[in-house]
């Protein structure tokens, strides 16, 4: 199993998700604000190293490169090699929603 915030789930992408526009954390404005913290070049996506920082800030376990790779592969739904706003929003909503339960 993959572990996010120390809680086992079978798969991030198979877990129930809220949409990034109506998510449990306050919607699109919150996600955009959070994404901007990591998309420091304002390119509309984050890199793997920026995701590592986001995971640490959100208390998501990614101590090893293997753990980060597993999370990355779950989040990068379109296989672009970048995490776009929609992908980040789904991840953010999932992590925050799970922690708020």
C-alpha atoms as a PDB file:
ATOM      1  CA  UNK A   1       0.000   0.000   0.000  1.00  0.00           C
ATOM      2  CA  UNK A   2       0.982   3.606  -0.490  1.00  0.00           C
ATOM      3  CA  UNK A   3       0.998   5.786   2.608  1.00  0.00           C
ATOM      4  CA  UNK A   4      -0.040   9.442   2.624  1.00  0.00           C
ATOM      5  CA  UNK A   5       0.036  11.343   5.911  1.00  0.00           C
ATOM      6  CA  UNK A   6       0.775   8.057   7.684  1.00  0.00           C
ATOM      7  CA  UNK A   7      -2.573   6.519   6.734  1.00  0.00           C
ATOM      8  CA  UNK A   8      -2.534   3.519   4.387  1.00  0.00           C
ATOM      9  CA  UNK A   9      -4.605   3.676   1.228  1.00  0.00           C
ATOM     10  CA  UNK A  10      -4.547   1.279  -1.680  1.00  0.00           C
ATOM     11  CA  UNK A  11      -3.931   3.933  -4.302  1.00  0.00           C
ATOM     12  CA  UNK A  12      -4.172   7.692  -4.384  1.00  0.00           C
ATOM     13  CA  UNK A  13      -5.865   7.656  -7.784  1.00  0.00           C
ATOM     14  CA  UNK A  14      -8.351   4.980  -6.740  1.00  0.00           C
ATOM     15  CA  UNK A  15      -9.269   6.758  -3.521  1.00  0.00           C
ATOM     16  CA  UNK A  16     -12.425   8.876  -3.427  1.00  0.00           C
ATOM     17  CA  UNK A  17     -11.524  12.446  -4.348  1.00  0.00           C
ATOM     18  CA  UNK A  18     -13.263  15.759  -4.214  1.00  0.00           C
ATOM     19  CA  UNK A  19     -12.915  18.054  -7.182  1.00  0.00           C
ATOM     20  CA  UNK A  20     -10.378  20.824  -6.957  1.00  0.00           C
ATOM     21  CA  UNK A  21     -12.995  23.522  -7.511  1.00  0.00           C
ATOM     22  CA  UNK A  22     -15.361  22.471  -4.750  1.00  0.00           C
ATOM     23  CA  UNK A  23     -12.936  20.656  -2.500  1.00  0.00           C
ATOM     24  CA  UNK A  24     -12.967  20.329   1.205  1.00  0.00           C
ATOM     25  CA  UNK A  25     -10.341  23.029   1.651  1.00  0.00           C
ATOM     26  CA  UNK A  26     -12.180  26.027   0.294  1.00  0.00           C
ATOM     27  CA  UNK A  27     -12.183  25.560  -3.450  1.00  0.00           C
ATOM     28  CA  UNK A  28     -10.175  26.911  -6.331  1.00  0.00           C
ATOM     29  CA  UNK A  29      -8.803  30.008  -4.612  1.00  0.00           C
ATOM     30  CA  UNK A  30      -7.238  27.921  -1.855  1.00  0.00           C
ATOM     31  CA  UNK A  31      -5.718  25.451  -4.299  1.00  0.00           C
ATOM     32  CA  UNK A  32      -4.339  28.239  -6.479  1.00  0.00           C
ATOM     33  CA  UNK A  33      -2.829  29.879  -3.415  1.00  0.00           C
ATOM     34  CA  UNK A  34      -1.251  26.620  -2.288  1.00  0.00           C
ATOM     35  CA  UNK A  35       0.025  25.814  -5.792  1.00  0.00           C
ATOM     36  CA  UNK A  36       1.632  29.266  -6.030  1.00  0.00           C
ATOM     37  CA  UNK A  37       3.757  28.450  -2.985  1.00  0.00           C
ATOM     38  CA  UNK A  38       5.510  25.734  -4.977  1.00  0.00           C
ATOM     39  CA  UNK A  39       5.184  27.001  -8.563  1.00  0.00           C
ATOM     40  CA  UNK A  40       7.643  29.775  -7.822  1.00  0.00           C
ATOM     41  CA  UNK A  41       8.397  30.377 -11.518  1.00  0.00           C
ATOM     42  CA  UNK A  42       4.647  30.743 -12.223  1.00  0.00           C
ATOM     43  CA  UNK A  43       4.787  28.173 -15.042  1.00  0.00           C
ATOM     44  CA  UNK A  44       1.477  26.524 -14.236  1.00  0.00           C
ATOM     45  CA  UNK A  45       3.052  23.302 -13.019  1.00  0.00           C
ATOM     46  CA  UNK A  46       5.386  22.004 -10.344  1.00  0.00           C
ATOM     47  CA  UNK A  47       8.441  19.801 -10.638  1.00  0.00           C
ATOM     48  CA  UNK A  48       9.292  16.712  -8.642  1.00  0.00           C
ATOM     49  CA  UNK A  49      11.514  18.689  -6.281  1.00  0.00           C
ATOM     50  CA  UNK A  50       8.743  21.235  -5.741  1.00  0.00           C
ATOM     51  CA  UNK A  51       6.387  18.344  -4.989  1.00  0.00           C
ATOM     52  CA  UNK A  52       8.886  17.084  -2.386  1.00  0.00           C
ATOM     53  CA  UNK A  53       8.629  20.454  -0.607  1.00  0.00           C
ATOM     54  CA  UNK A  54       4.813  20.404  -0.846  1.00  0.00           C
ATOM     55  CA  UNK A  55       4.701  16.897   0.613  1.00  0.00           C
ATOM     56  CA  UNK A  56       6.854  17.922   3.546  1.00  0.00           C
ATOM     57  CA  UNK A  57       4.720  21.019   4.150  1.00  0.00           C
ATOM     58  CA  UNK A  58       1.555  18.896   4.045  1.00  0.00           C
ATOM     59  CA  UNK A  59       3.057  16.175   6.285  1.00  0.00           C
ATOM     60  CA  UNK A  60       2.969  13.582   3.510  1.00  0.00           C
ATOM     61  CA  UNK A  61       5.614  10.905   3.997  1.00  0.00           C
ATOM     62  CA  UNK A  62       8.195  11.165   1.207  1.00  0.00           C
ATOM     63  CA  UNK A  63      11.510  10.624   2.951  1.00  0.00           C
ATOM     64  CA  UNK A  64      13.054   8.588   0.147  1.00  0.00           C
ATOM     65  CA  UNK A  65      13.308   9.082  -3.595  1.00  0.00           C
ATOM     66  CA  UNK A  66      11.273   5.891  -4.035  1.00  0.00           C
ATOM     67  CA  UNK A  67       8.415   7.281  -1.928  1.00  0.00           C
ATOM     68  CA  UNK A  68       8.497  10.546  -3.867  1.00  0.00           C
ATOM     69  CA  UNK A  69       8.518   8.643  -7.175  1.00  0.00           C
ATOM     70  CA  UNK A  70       5.478   6.610  -6.064  1.00  0.00           C
ATOM     71  CA  UNK A  71       3.556   9.744  -5.114  1.00  0.00           C
ATOM     72  CA  UNK A  72       4.612  11.473  -8.347  1.00  0.00           C
ATOM     73  CA  UNK A  73       3.443   8.544 -10.466  1.00  0.00           C
ATOM     74  CA  UNK A  74       0.071   8.555  -8.716  1.00  0.00           C
ATOM     75  CA  UNK A  75      -0.446  12.304  -9.155  1.00  0.00           C
ATOM     76  CA  UNK A  76       0.850  12.817 -12.729  1.00  0.00           C
ATOM     77  CA  UNK A  77      -2.360  11.488 -14.271  1.00  0.00           C
ATOM     78  CA  UNK A  78      -1.558  12.564 -17.822  1.00  0.00           C
ATOM     79  CA  UNK A  79       2.063  11.366 -17.753  1.00  0.00           C
ATOM     80  CA  UNK A  80       3.420  14.784 -18.737  1.00  0.00           C
ATOM     81  CA  UNK A  81       6.281  14.741 -16.248  1.00  0.00           C
ATOM     82  CA  UNK A  82       4.792  17.849 -14.627  1.00  0.00           C
ATOM     83  CA  UNK A  83       2.112  18.313 -11.978  1.00  0.00           C
ATOM     84  CA  UNK A  84      -0.433  20.795 -13.311  1.00  0.00           C
ATOM     85  CA  UNK A  85      -2.984  22.735 -11.298  1.00  0.00           C
ATOM     86  CA  UNK A  86      -5.739  20.161 -11.643  1.00  0.00           C
ATOM     87  CA  UNK A  87      -3.468  17.306 -10.583  1.00  0.00           C
ATOM     88  CA  UNK A  88      -2.103  19.326  -7.678  1.00  0.00           C
ATOM     89  CA  UNK A  89      -5.636  20.337  -6.684  1.00  0.00           C
ATOM     90  CA  UNK A  90      -6.818  16.740  -6.531  1.00  0.00           C
ATOM     91  CA  UNK A  91      -3.760  15.764  -4.495  1.00  0.00           C
ATOM     92  CA  UNK A  92      -4.150  18.752  -2.166  1.00  0.00           C
ATOM     93  CA  UNK A  93      -7.868  18.147  -1.621  1.00  0.00           C
ATOM     94  CA  UNK A  94      -7.237  14.484  -0.924  1.00  0.00           C
ATOM     95  CA  UNK A  95      -4.453  15.117   1.569  1.00  0.00           C
ATOM     96  CA  UNK A  96      -6.236  17.945   3.385  1.00  0.00           C
ATOM     97  CA  UNK A  97      -9.563  16.128   3.355  1.00  0.00           C
ATOM     98  CA  UNK A  98      -8.030  12.984   4.766  1.00  0.00           C
ATOM     99  CA  UNK A  99      -6.248  14.912   7.512  1.00  0.00           C
ATOM    100  CA  UNK A 100      -9.464  16.755   8.441  1.00  0.00           C
ATOM    101  CA  UNK A 101     -11.482  13.549   8.920  1.00  0.00           C
END
